[in-house]
Every structure is written in structure tokens, then in C-alpha cells.
Amino acid sequence: MSVHGIVIAAPLAALARAAEYRNRRGVVRLCAAGVIKRGKQMIRIVLAASAVALAITAVVAQSDPIAARKALMKANGDQAKIGNAMAKGEAPFDLAKVATIFATFGDAAAKAPALFPDDSKTGGDTAALPTIWENKADFNARLEKFGTDTKATQSAIKDLDTFKAAWGPFLKNNCGGCHETYRQKKS
């Protein structure tokens, strides 16, 4: 939206990628707070806001690891549904979506070990079994294998046939194995 030569951008992400717009006085940008800033000061504001957002995310993850890991696993589940639909022929094969699926899985493999601290064994409606903490080395090794298999499987997928061949074994050997051992069964 443009008002008298000034572009108004509300989302921080859009603001971070905003191009420079010129009016009669020179280069002008609008920051998220609605204050017009010039030159490098705008970049500093965007970087500061991004740093604050990242810090808040880290604090929330540390203060409630159960909620953070549930969100991580929900994202994995959502991506697995997309993959299952492609494998079954219910959705068209899309290599870009496959990349997103495996990027989500890779992210989860990297973040998950930190989301199972000793003080998160109970509470928060967790489905994590105590065997995670009793056998932490095996649990972390499985997450590491998940990350390694994610990269290897993604690089092997070139088309629908290679996706179908890799998808089932990937889920069984990674997600299924870990959930059988370390996740409480839903009643």
C-alpha cells in the first residue's frame, strides 16, 4: 500500500526485505512502529527486532520444552501427512514440497535433543516416556541418525518413483522406531 510516495509495510519479514522508495526528500522507509527512518538506522532497527524475536523464542523453548517439542513434532506430523498423500497418489508429487518436508525433519533432528532436559519428564501433557531419560544415549543417537537419514534420503529423491521407494522405509526406520520405544501410545 502506498500513501503519498511512502510504502507502508506491517510485517517484520516484509520490512526486512523492503526495497528503498524515493520521495521528494530522498530515501524513506517505514519501520514496524510506524516511524519514518533513513539509511542505516532502519537496518539497525530490523536487526534489533530480529534479535529480540530470536531471544524470545529461545526463552520460550527453555521455559517450556514440552510445548516446544510438541510444536516440533506437530510440524513433523503435518509434513509427514503431505508426504503420505504424495506417496499414496492423493496429492501430486512436488519436489519443492519434498524439500520442505525433509527440511522440517532436519530441523527437528537438530533441535530435539535440547528439548528433553531432565526437568521436562512430566507435566505439560507430555507423551514422552521415562525411557528417554533412562536411555538418553540411545535416544540422542536415534535423533542423530534421523538427521543423517534425512539428508541422505532427500538427496536420493529425484522423482515420484524414488520418493515412493524411500518414503516408507524412511518413516519406519526413523519415526516409527523412536515412537515405538520412546512415545506413550495414545489411548
N, C-alpha and C. Protein backbone atom coordinates (compact mmCIF):
# COMPACT_ATOMS: atom_id res chain seq x y z
N MET A 1 0.85 -1.16 0.00
CA MET A 1 0.00 0.00 0.00
C MET A 1 0.90 1.23 0.00
N SER A 2 0.57 2.24 -0.77
CA SER A 2 1.40 3.42 -0.87
C SER A 2 0.57 4.66 -0.53
N VAL A 3 1.11 5.48 0.35
CA VAL A 3 0.46 6.72 0.74
C VAL A 3 1.44 7.85 0.50
N HIS A 4 1.15 8.74 -0.45
CA HIS A 4 1.99 9.89 -0.77
C HIS A 4 3.45 9.50 -0.98
N GLY A 5 3.68 8.41 -1.72
CA GLY A 5 5.05 8.02 -2.04
C GLY A 5 5.75 7.23 -0.96
N ILE A 6 5.09 6.91 0.15
CA ILE A 6 5.69 6.14 1.23
C ILE A 6 5.00 4.78 1.25
N VAL A 7 5.78 3.73 1.20
CA VAL A 7 5.22 2.39 1.22
C VAL A 7 5.06 1.95 2.67
N ILE A 8 3.88 1.45 3.00
CA ILE A 8 3.57 1.01 4.35
C ILE A 8 3.66 -0.51 4.38
N ALA A 9 4.54 -1.04 5.22
CA ALA A 9 4.72 -2.49 5.35
C ALA A 9 4.63 -2.86 6.81
N ALA A 10 3.62 -3.67 7.16
CA ALA A 10 3.44 -4.03 8.56
C ALA A 10 4.28 -5.21 9.00
N PRO A 11 4.28 -6.33 8.28
CA PRO A 11 5.03 -7.49 8.80
C PRO A 11 6.52 -7.23 8.83
N LEU A 12 7.15 -7.70 9.89
CA LEU A 12 8.58 -7.50 10.06
C LEU A 12 9.37 -8.17 8.94
N ALA A 13 8.93 -9.33 8.51
CA ALA A 13 9.64 -10.03 7.43
C ALA A 13 9.61 -9.21 6.15
N ALA A 14 8.46 -8.65 5.84
CA ALA A 14 8.36 -7.83 4.64
C ALA A 14 9.20 -6.57 4.81
N LEU A 15 9.24 -6.06 6.02
CA LEU A 15 10.03 -4.86 6.29
C LEU A 15 11.51 -5.14 6.10
N ALA A 16 11.95 -6.32 6.50
CA ALA A 16 13.36 -6.65 6.38
C ALA A 16 13.80 -6.72 4.92
N ARG A 17 12.87 -7.13 4.03
CA ARG A 17 13.22 -7.22 2.63
C ARG A 17 12.76 -6.00 1.84
N ALA A 18 12.27 -5.00 2.51
CA ALA A 18 11.71 -3.84 1.81
C ALA A 18 12.75 -3.15 0.94
N ALA A 19 12.33 -2.76 -0.22
CA ALA A 19 13.19 -2.01 -1.12
C ALA A 19 13.18 -0.55 -0.71
N GLU A 20 14.09 0.23 -1.26
CA GLU A 20 14.12 1.64 -0.95
C GLU A 20 13.15 2.38 -1.86
N TYR A 21 12.41 3.29 -1.31
CA TYR A 21 11.47 4.08 -2.07
C TYR A 21 11.87 5.54 -1.95
N ARG A 22 11.79 6.26 -3.03
CA ARG A 22 12.21 7.66 -3.05
C ARG A 22 11.00 8.59 -3.09
N ASN A 23 11.08 9.64 -2.30
CA ASN A 23 10.12 10.71 -2.42
C ASN A 23 10.90 11.99 -2.70
N ARG A 24 10.29 13.14 -2.56
CA ARG A 24 10.97 14.40 -2.88
C ARG A 24 12.16 14.67 -1.96
N ARG A 25 12.17 14.11 -0.76
CA ARG A 25 13.23 14.40 0.20
C ARG A 25 14.36 13.37 0.19
N GLY A 26 14.20 12.24 -0.50
CA GLY A 26 15.26 11.23 -0.53
C GLY A 26 14.72 9.86 -0.21
N VAL A 27 15.57 8.99 0.25
CA VAL A 27 15.19 7.61 0.53
C VAL A 27 14.43 7.56 1.85
N VAL A 28 13.28 6.90 1.84
CA VAL A 28 12.43 6.83 3.03
C VAL A 28 11.93 5.40 3.21
N ARG A 29 11.94 4.92 4.43
CA ARG A 29 11.34 3.62 4.76
C ARG A 29 10.47 3.80 5.99
N LEU A 30 9.54 2.90 6.18
CA LEU A 30 8.65 2.95 7.33
C LEU A 30 8.97 1.77 8.22
N CYS A 31 9.31 1.99 9.47
CA CYS A 31 9.62 0.88 10.37
C CYS A 31 8.32 0.32 10.95
N ALA A 32 8.43 -0.83 11.62
CA ALA A 32 7.25 -1.52 12.14
C ALA A 32 6.47 -0.66 13.13
N ALA A 33 7.13 0.23 13.84
CA ALA A 33 6.45 1.07 14.81
C ALA A 33 5.76 2.26 14.14
N GLY A 34 5.95 2.42 12.84
CA GLY A 34 5.29 3.50 12.12
C GLY A 34 6.11 4.77 12.07
N VAL A 35 7.36 4.74 12.48
CA VAL A 35 8.20 5.93 12.48
C VAL A 35 9.08 5.88 11.24
N ILE A 36 9.17 6.98 10.51
CA ILE A 36 9.98 7.01 9.30
C ILE A 36 11.44 7.12 9.69
N LYS A 37 12.27 6.24 9.11
CA LYS A 37 13.69 6.21 9.39
C LYS A 37 14.45 6.32 8.07
N ARG A 38 15.69 6.81 8.11
CA ARG A 38 16.50 6.95 6.92
C ARG A 38 17.75 6.09 7.04
N GLY A 39 18.26 5.64 5.88
CA GLY A 39 19.55 4.99 5.77
C GLY A 39 19.76 3.79 6.66
N LYS A 40 20.93 3.73 7.29
CA LYS A 40 21.36 2.55 8.05
C LYS A 40 20.61 2.37 9.36
N GLN A 41 19.97 3.42 9.85
CA GLN A 41 19.24 3.31 11.11
C GLN A 41 18.12 2.27 10.98
N MET A 42 17.50 2.20 9.82
CA MET A 42 16.42 1.23 9.60
C MET A 42 16.96 -0.19 9.69
N ILE A 43 18.12 -0.42 9.12
CA ILE A 43 18.72 -1.74 9.18
C ILE A 43 18.98 -2.13 10.63
N ARG A 44 19.47 -1.19 11.42
CA ARG A 44 19.73 -1.46 12.84
C ARG A 44 18.44 -1.83 13.57
N ILE A 45 17.37 -1.15 13.25
CA ILE A 45 16.09 -1.43 13.91
C ILE A 45 15.62 -2.83 13.56
N VAL A 46 15.71 -3.19 12.28
CA VAL A 46 15.27 -4.51 11.85
C VAL A 46 16.13 -5.59 12.50
N LEU A 47 17.43 -5.39 12.54
CA LEU A 47 18.31 -6.37 13.18
C LEU A 47 18.03 -6.49 14.67
N ALA A 48 17.80 -5.38 15.32
CA ALA A 48 17.49 -5.41 16.75
C ALA A 48 16.17 -6.14 17.01
N ALA A 49 15.16 -5.86 16.20
CA ALA A 49 13.87 -6.52 16.36
C ALA A 49 14.00 -8.02 16.11
N SER A 50 14.80 -8.40 15.12
CA SER A 50 15.02 -9.82 14.83
C SER A 50 15.73 -10.50 15.99
N ALA A 51 16.73 -9.84 16.56
CA ALA A 51 17.46 -10.40 17.70
C ALA A 51 16.53 -10.59 18.90
N VAL A 52 15.65 -9.64 19.15
CA VAL A 52 14.70 -9.75 20.25
C VAL A 52 13.75 -10.92 20.00
N ALA A 53 13.25 -11.05 18.78
CA ALA A 53 12.35 -12.15 18.45
C ALA A 53 13.04 -13.50 18.64
N LEU A 54 14.28 -13.60 18.22
CA LEU A 54 15.04 -14.84 18.37
C LEU A 54 15.27 -15.15 19.85
N ALA A 55 15.59 -14.14 20.63
CA ALA A 55 15.81 -14.33 22.06
C ALA A 55 14.52 -14.79 22.76
N ILE A 56 13.40 -14.20 22.38
CA ILE A 56 12.13 -14.59 22.98
C ILE A 56 11.82 -16.04 22.64
N THR A 57 12.08 -16.45 21.41
CA THR A 57 11.86 -17.84 21.01
C THR A 57 12.73 -18.77 21.83
N ALA A 58 13.98 -18.42 22.03
CA ALA A 58 14.88 -19.25 22.82
C ALA A 58 14.42 -19.35 24.27
N VAL A 59 13.97 -18.25 24.84
CA VAL A 59 13.50 -18.25 26.23
C VAL A 59 12.25 -19.11 26.37
N VAL A 60 11.34 -18.99 25.41
CA VAL A 60 10.12 -19.80 25.47
C VAL A 60 10.47 -21.27 25.38
N ALA A 61 11.40 -21.62 24.49
CA ALA A 61 11.80 -23.02 24.35
C ALA A 61 12.43 -23.53 25.63
N GLN A 62 13.24 -22.70 26.29
CA GLN A 62 13.88 -23.12 27.53
C GLN A 62 12.88 -23.18 28.67
N SER A 63 11.93 -22.26 28.69
CA SER A 63 10.98 -22.21 29.80
C SER A 63 9.91 -23.28 29.67
N ASP A 64 9.61 -23.72 28.46
CA ASP A 64 8.61 -24.76 28.27
C ASP A 64 9.04 -25.72 27.17
N PRO A 65 10.00 -26.59 27.48
CA PRO A 65 10.49 -27.51 26.45
C PRO A 65 9.43 -28.50 25.97
N ILE A 66 8.46 -28.81 26.83
CA ILE A 66 7.40 -29.73 26.42
C ILE A 66 6.58 -29.11 25.30
N ALA A 67 6.19 -27.85 25.46
CA ALA A 67 5.43 -27.17 24.41
C ALA A 67 6.26 -27.04 23.13
N ALA A 68 7.54 -26.75 23.30
CA ALA A 68 8.40 -26.59 22.13
C ALA A 68 8.56 -27.91 21.38
N ARG A 69 8.74 -29.01 22.09
CA ARG A 69 8.91 -30.29 21.39
C ARG A 69 7.59 -30.77 20.80
N LYS A 70 6.46 -30.46 21.46
CA LYS A 70 5.17 -30.81 20.88
C LYS A 70 4.94 -30.05 19.57
N ALA A 71 5.33 -28.78 19.55
CA ALA A 71 5.19 -27.98 18.32
C ALA A 71 6.10 -28.54 17.22
N LEU A 72 7.30 -28.95 17.60
CA LEU A 72 8.25 -29.52 16.65
C LEU A 72 7.69 -30.82 16.07
N MET A 73 7.15 -31.66 16.93
CA MET A 73 6.60 -32.94 16.46
C MET A 73 5.33 -32.74 15.65
N LYS A 74 4.55 -31.74 15.99
CA LYS A 74 3.36 -31.43 15.20
C LYS A 74 3.76 -31.01 13.79
N ALA A 75 4.80 -30.19 13.69
CA ALA A 75 5.29 -29.79 12.37
C ALA A 75 5.76 -31.01 11.58
N ASN A 76 6.45 -31.94 12.25
CA ASN A 76 6.87 -33.18 11.58
C ASN A 76 5.65 -33.97 11.10
N GLY A 77 4.65 -34.08 11.96
CA GLY A 77 3.44 -34.81 11.60
C GLY A 77 2.71 -34.18 10.42
N ASP A 78 2.63 -32.86 10.42
CA ASP A 78 1.98 -32.16 9.31
C ASP A 78 2.72 -32.42 8.00
N GLN A 79 4.05 -32.40 8.05
CA GLN A 79 4.83 -32.65 6.84
C GLN A 79 4.73 -34.13 6.43
N ALA A 80 4.67 -35.03 7.39
CA ALA A 80 4.52 -36.45 7.06
C ALA A 80 3.20 -36.71 6.36
N LYS A 81 2.15 -36.00 6.75
CA LYS A 81 0.85 -36.14 6.09
C LYS A 81 0.95 -35.74 4.62
N ILE A 82 1.68 -34.68 4.35
CA ILE A 82 1.88 -34.24 2.97
C ILE A 82 2.63 -35.31 2.19
N GLY A 83 3.69 -35.84 2.79
CA GLY A 83 4.46 -36.91 2.15
C GLY A 83 3.63 -38.16 1.93
N ASN A 84 2.82 -38.55 2.90
CA ASN A 84 1.97 -39.72 2.76
C ASN A 84 0.97 -39.54 1.62
N ALA A 85 0.41 -38.35 1.52
CA ALA A 85 -0.55 -38.08 0.45
C ALA A 85 0.12 -38.19 -0.92
N MET A 86 1.35 -37.71 -1.05
CA MET A 86 2.07 -37.84 -2.32
C MET A 86 2.39 -39.30 -2.60
N ALA A 87 2.83 -40.04 -1.59
CA ALA A 87 3.19 -41.44 -1.77
C ALA A 87 1.98 -42.29 -2.17
N LYS A 88 0.81 -41.95 -1.65
CA LYS A 88 -0.42 -42.69 -1.96
C LYS A 88 -1.06 -42.23 -3.27
N GLY A 89 -0.57 -41.15 -3.85
CA GLY A 89 -1.17 -40.64 -5.07
C GLY A 89 -2.37 -39.74 -4.82
N GLU A 90 -2.60 -39.38 -3.57
CA GLU A 90 -3.72 -38.49 -3.22
C GLU A 90 -3.40 -37.04 -3.49
N ALA A 91 -2.12 -36.74 -3.62
CA ALA A 91 -1.65 -35.38 -3.93
C ALA A 91 -0.56 -35.52 -4.99
N PRO A 92 -0.45 -34.53 -5.86
CA PRO A 92 0.59 -34.62 -6.89
C PRO A 92 1.98 -34.53 -6.28
N PHE A 93 2.93 -35.24 -6.90
CA PHE A 93 4.30 -35.18 -6.44
C PHE A 93 4.87 -33.80 -6.73
N ASP A 94 5.54 -33.24 -5.73
CA ASP A 94 6.13 -31.91 -5.87
C ASP A 94 7.48 -31.93 -5.17
N LEU A 95 8.54 -31.82 -5.95
CA LEU A 95 9.90 -31.90 -5.39
C LEU A 95 10.16 -30.77 -4.40
N ALA A 96 9.56 -29.59 -4.63
CA ALA A 96 9.72 -28.48 -3.69
C ALA A 96 9.08 -28.82 -2.34
N LYS A 97 7.93 -29.47 -2.35
CA LYS A 97 7.29 -29.88 -1.10
C LYS A 97 8.11 -30.96 -0.40
N VAL A 98 8.71 -31.85 -1.18
CA VAL A 98 9.58 -32.87 -0.61
C VAL A 98 10.76 -32.21 0.10
N ALA A 99 11.32 -31.17 -0.52
CA ALA A 99 12.42 -30.44 0.11
C ALA A 99 11.98 -29.82 1.42
N THR A 100 10.76 -29.27 1.45
CA THR A 100 10.22 -28.67 2.67
C THR A 100 10.02 -29.74 3.75
N ILE A 101 9.51 -30.88 3.35
CA ILE A 101 9.31 -31.98 4.30
C ILE A 101 10.63 -32.35 4.98
N PHE A 102 11.64 -32.57 4.16
CA PHE A 102 12.92 -33.00 4.72
C PHE A 102 13.65 -31.87 5.45
N ALA A 103 13.42 -30.64 5.06
CA ALA A 103 13.98 -29.52 5.81
C ALA A 103 13.37 -29.45 7.21
N THR A 104 12.07 -29.70 7.29
CA THR A 104 11.39 -29.72 8.59
C THR A 104 11.93 -30.85 9.45
N PHE A 105 12.10 -32.03 8.85
CA PHE A 105 12.64 -33.17 9.58
C PHE A 105 14.08 -32.88 10.05
N GLY A 106 14.87 -32.31 9.19
CA GLY A 106 16.25 -31.98 9.56
C GLY A 106 16.32 -30.99 10.71
N ASP A 107 15.43 -30.01 10.66
CA ASP A 107 15.34 -29.01 11.74
C ASP A 107 14.97 -29.69 13.05
N ALA A 108 14.02 -30.60 12.99
CA ALA A 108 13.60 -31.31 14.20
C ALA A 108 14.72 -32.17 14.75
N ALA A 109 15.45 -32.84 13.88
CA ALA A 109 16.56 -33.68 14.34
C ALA A 109 17.63 -32.85 15.04
N ALA A 110 17.84 -31.64 14.56
CA ALA A 110 18.85 -30.78 15.16
C ALA A 110 18.38 -30.18 16.50
N LYS A 111 17.12 -29.81 16.58
CA LYS A 111 16.61 -29.13 17.77
C LYS A 111 16.14 -30.07 18.88
N ALA A 112 15.68 -31.24 18.53
CA ALA A 112 15.03 -32.12 19.50
C ALA A 112 15.88 -32.51 20.71
N PRO A 113 17.17 -32.83 20.56
CA PRO A 113 17.92 -33.25 21.75
C PRO A 113 17.88 -32.23 22.89
N ALA A 114 17.88 -30.96 22.58
CA ALA A 114 17.86 -29.92 23.61
C ALA A 114 16.48 -29.76 24.25
N LEU A 115 15.47 -30.36 23.65
CA LEU A 115 14.10 -30.19 24.16
C LEU A 115 13.66 -31.29 25.11
N PHE A 116 14.62 -32.09 25.55
CA PHE A 116 14.32 -33.15 26.51
C PHE A 116 15.22 -33.04 27.74
N PRO A 117 15.23 -31.87 28.41
CA PRO A 117 16.04 -31.73 29.62
C PRO A 117 15.43 -32.57 30.75
N ASP A 118 16.23 -32.83 31.77
CA ASP A 118 15.77 -33.67 32.89
C ASP A 118 14.53 -33.13 33.59
N ASP A 119 14.35 -31.82 33.59
CA ASP A 119 13.20 -31.26 34.30
C ASP A 119 11.91 -31.27 33.47
N SER A 120 11.92 -31.96 32.32
CA SER A 120 10.72 -31.99 31.49
C SER A 120 10.17 -33.41 31.34
N LYS A 121 10.43 -34.23 32.34
CA LYS A 121 9.96 -35.62 32.30
C LYS A 121 8.45 -35.72 32.46
N THR A 122 7.89 -34.80 33.21
CA THR A 122 6.46 -34.84 33.47
C THR A 122 5.86 -33.46 33.28
N GLY A 123 4.53 -33.44 33.23
CA GLY A 123 3.81 -32.18 33.09
C GLY A 123 3.56 -31.83 31.64
N GLY A 124 2.77 -30.79 31.43
CA GLY A 124 2.52 -30.29 30.09
C GLY A 124 1.91 -31.29 29.15
N ASP A 125 1.21 -32.29 29.66
CA ASP A 125 0.57 -33.29 28.82
C ASP A 125 1.57 -33.93 27.86
N THR A 126 2.71 -34.34 28.38
CA THR A 126 3.75 -34.93 27.56
C THR A 126 3.46 -36.40 27.25
N ALA A 127 3.83 -36.80 26.05
CA ALA A 127 3.70 -38.20 25.65
C ALA A 127 5.05 -38.89 25.69
N ALA A 128 6.08 -38.17 26.13
CA ALA A 128 7.43 -38.74 26.22
C ALA A 128 7.49 -39.72 27.38
N LEU A 129 8.00 -40.90 27.09
CA LEU A 129 8.13 -41.93 28.13
C LEU A 129 9.40 -41.71 28.94
N PRO A 130 9.42 -42.16 30.20
CA PRO A 130 10.61 -42.02 31.04
C PRO A 130 11.84 -42.73 30.46
N THR A 131 11.62 -43.69 29.56
CA THR A 131 12.75 -44.40 28.97
C THR A 131 13.68 -43.47 28.18
N ILE A 132 13.18 -42.31 27.77
CA ILE A 132 14.05 -41.33 27.10
C ILE A 132 15.21 -40.96 28.01
N TRP A 133 14.90 -40.64 29.25
CA TRP A 133 15.93 -40.19 30.19
C TRP A 133 16.72 -41.37 30.77
N GLU A 134 16.10 -42.54 30.80
CA GLU A 134 16.79 -43.74 31.27
C GLU A 134 17.83 -44.22 30.25
N ASN A 135 17.56 -43.95 28.99
CA ASN A 135 18.44 -44.41 27.92
C ASN A 135 18.74 -43.23 26.97
N LYS A 136 19.20 -42.13 27.55
CA LYS A 136 19.41 -40.88 26.80
C LYS A 136 20.41 -41.04 25.65
N ALA A 137 21.44 -41.85 25.83
CA ALA A 137 22.43 -42.03 24.77
C ALA A 137 21.80 -42.64 23.52
N ASP A 138 20.96 -43.66 23.71
CA ASP A 138 20.28 -44.28 22.56
C ASP A 138 19.31 -43.30 21.92
N PHE A 139 18.58 -42.57 22.74
CA PHE A 139 17.62 -41.59 22.22
C PHE A 139 18.33 -40.54 21.36
N ASN A 140 19.41 -39.99 21.89
CA ASN A 140 20.15 -38.97 21.12
C ASN A 140 20.78 -39.57 19.86
N ALA A 141 21.23 -40.82 19.94
CA ALA A 141 21.79 -41.48 18.76
C ALA A 141 20.71 -41.66 17.68
N ARG A 142 19.51 -41.97 18.10
CA ARG A 142 18.41 -42.10 17.13
C ARG A 142 18.09 -40.76 16.47
N LEU A 143 18.13 -39.69 17.25
CA LEU A 143 17.89 -38.37 16.66
C LEU A 143 19.00 -38.00 15.69
N GLU A 144 20.23 -38.35 16.03
CA GLU A 144 21.35 -38.08 15.12
C GLU A 144 21.20 -38.89 13.83
N LYS A 145 20.79 -40.15 13.96
CA LYS A 145 20.55 -40.99 12.79
C LYS A 145 19.41 -40.41 11.95
N PHE A 146 18.39 -39.92 12.61
CA PHE A 146 17.26 -39.29 11.92
C PHE A 146 17.77 -38.13 11.06
N GLY A 147 18.63 -37.31 11.61
CA GLY A 147 19.19 -36.19 10.86
C GLY A 147 20.03 -36.65 9.68
N THR A 148 20.86 -37.65 9.90
CA THR A 148 21.71 -38.19 8.82
C THR A 148 20.86 -38.84 7.73
N ASP A 149 19.87 -39.64 8.13
CA ASP A 149 18.99 -40.29 7.16
C ASP A 149 18.15 -39.27 6.40
N THR A 150 17.78 -38.20 7.07
CA THR A 150 17.00 -37.15 6.41
C THR A 150 17.79 -36.58 5.23
N LYS A 151 19.04 -36.24 5.47
CA LYS A 151 19.88 -35.67 4.40
C LYS A 151 20.09 -36.69 3.28
N ALA A 152 20.40 -37.91 3.64
CA ALA A 152 20.68 -38.95 2.63
C ALA A 152 19.44 -39.25 1.80
N THR A 153 18.30 -39.36 2.46
CA THR A 153 17.06 -39.68 1.75
C THR A 153 16.66 -38.54 0.83
N GLN A 154 16.75 -37.32 1.31
CA GLN A 154 16.38 -36.18 0.47
C GLN A 154 17.26 -36.11 -0.77
N SER A 155 18.55 -36.35 -0.62
CA SER A 155 19.44 -36.26 -1.77
C SER A 155 19.20 -37.39 -2.77
N ALA A 156 18.62 -38.50 -2.32
CA ALA A 156 18.35 -39.63 -3.21
C ALA A 156 17.05 -39.46 -3.99
N ILE A 157 16.18 -38.58 -3.55
CA ILE A 157 14.87 -38.42 -4.19
C ILE A 157 14.99 -37.47 -5.38
N LYS A 158 14.61 -38.00 -6.54
CA LYS A 158 14.68 -37.22 -7.78
C LYS A 158 13.31 -37.10 -8.46
N ASP A 159 12.44 -38.07 -8.18
CA ASP A 159 11.13 -38.10 -8.82
C ASP A 159 10.17 -38.90 -7.95
N LEU A 160 8.95 -39.12 -8.44
CA LEU A 160 7.94 -39.82 -7.66
C LEU A 160 8.36 -41.25 -7.33
N ASP A 161 8.97 -41.94 -8.29
CA ASP A 161 9.37 -43.34 -8.05
C ASP A 161 10.42 -43.44 -6.94
N THR A 162 11.43 -42.57 -6.97
CA THR A 162 12.45 -42.63 -5.90
C THR A 162 11.85 -42.17 -4.57
N PHE A 163 10.89 -41.26 -4.62
CA PHE A 163 10.22 -40.84 -3.38
C PHE A 163 9.45 -42.00 -2.77
N LYS A 164 8.65 -42.68 -3.58
CA LYS A 164 7.86 -43.81 -3.07
C LYS A 164 8.76 -44.91 -2.50
N ALA A 165 9.88 -45.17 -3.18
CA ALA A 165 10.79 -46.22 -2.73
C ALA A 165 11.45 -45.86 -1.39
N ALA A 166 11.71 -44.60 -1.18
CA ALA A 166 12.42 -44.16 0.03
C ALA A 166 11.50 -43.81 1.19
N TRP A 167 10.30 -43.34 0.91
CA TRP A 167 9.43 -42.77 1.94
C TRP A 167 9.05 -43.77 3.04
N GLY A 168 8.51 -44.91 2.69
CA GLY A 168 8.07 -45.89 3.68
C GLY A 168 9.20 -46.36 4.60
N PRO A 169 10.31 -46.83 4.03
CA PRO A 169 11.42 -47.25 4.89
C PRO A 169 11.97 -46.11 5.75
N PHE A 170 12.01 -44.91 5.21
CA PHE A 170 12.50 -43.77 6.00
C PHE A 170 11.63 -43.58 7.24
N LEU A 171 10.31 -43.55 7.07
CA LEU A 171 9.41 -43.36 8.21
C LEU A 171 9.52 -44.51 9.21
N LYS A 172 9.54 -45.74 8.70
CA LYS A 172 9.59 -46.91 9.57
C LYS A 172 10.89 -46.94 10.37
N ASN A 173 12.00 -46.67 9.72
CA ASN A 173 13.31 -46.78 10.37
C ASN A 173 13.65 -45.60 11.27
N ASN A 174 12.95 -44.51 11.13
CA ASN A 174 13.25 -43.34 11.94
C ASN A 174 12.09 -42.99 12.86
N CYS A 175 11.02 -42.48 12.30
CA CYS A 175 9.89 -42.05 13.13
C CYS A 175 9.29 -43.22 13.91
N GLY A 176 8.99 -44.29 13.20
CA GLY A 176 8.34 -45.44 13.84
C GLY A 176 9.16 -46.06 14.95
N GLY A 177 10.44 -46.26 14.69
CA GLY A 177 11.30 -46.88 15.69
C GLY A 177 11.39 -46.07 16.97
N CYS A 178 11.52 -44.80 16.84
CA CYS A 178 11.63 -43.93 18.01
C CYS A 178 10.29 -43.83 18.75
N HIS A 179 9.21 -43.69 18.01
CA HIS A 179 7.91 -43.57 18.66
C HIS A 179 7.50 -44.86 19.37
N GLU A 180 7.87 -46.01 18.83
CA GLU A 180 7.56 -47.28 19.49
C GLU A 180 8.24 -47.39 20.85
N THR A 181 9.46 -46.90 20.93
CA THR A 181 10.26 -47.05 22.13
C THR A 181 10.07 -45.91 23.13
N TYR A 182 9.92 -44.70 22.63
CA TYR A 182 10.02 -43.54 23.49
C TYR A 182 8.75 -42.67 23.59
N ARG A 183 7.70 -43.06 22.93
CA ARG A 183 6.48 -42.25 22.96
C ARG A 183 5.32 -43.07 23.53
N GLN A 184 4.59 -42.44 24.43
CA GLN A 184 3.44 -43.08 25.04
C GLN A 184 2.37 -43.27 23.98
N LYS A 185 1.77 -44.45 23.96
CA LYS A 185 0.73 -44.74 22.98
C LYS A 185 -0.54 -43.97 23.33
N LYS A 186 -1.20 -43.50 22.28
CA LYS A 186 -2.46 -42.77 22.51
C LYS A 186 -3.54 -43.80 22.84
N SER A 187 -4.39 -43.41 23.81
CA SER A 187 -5.45 -44.35 24.21
C SER A 187 -6.72 -44.13 23.46
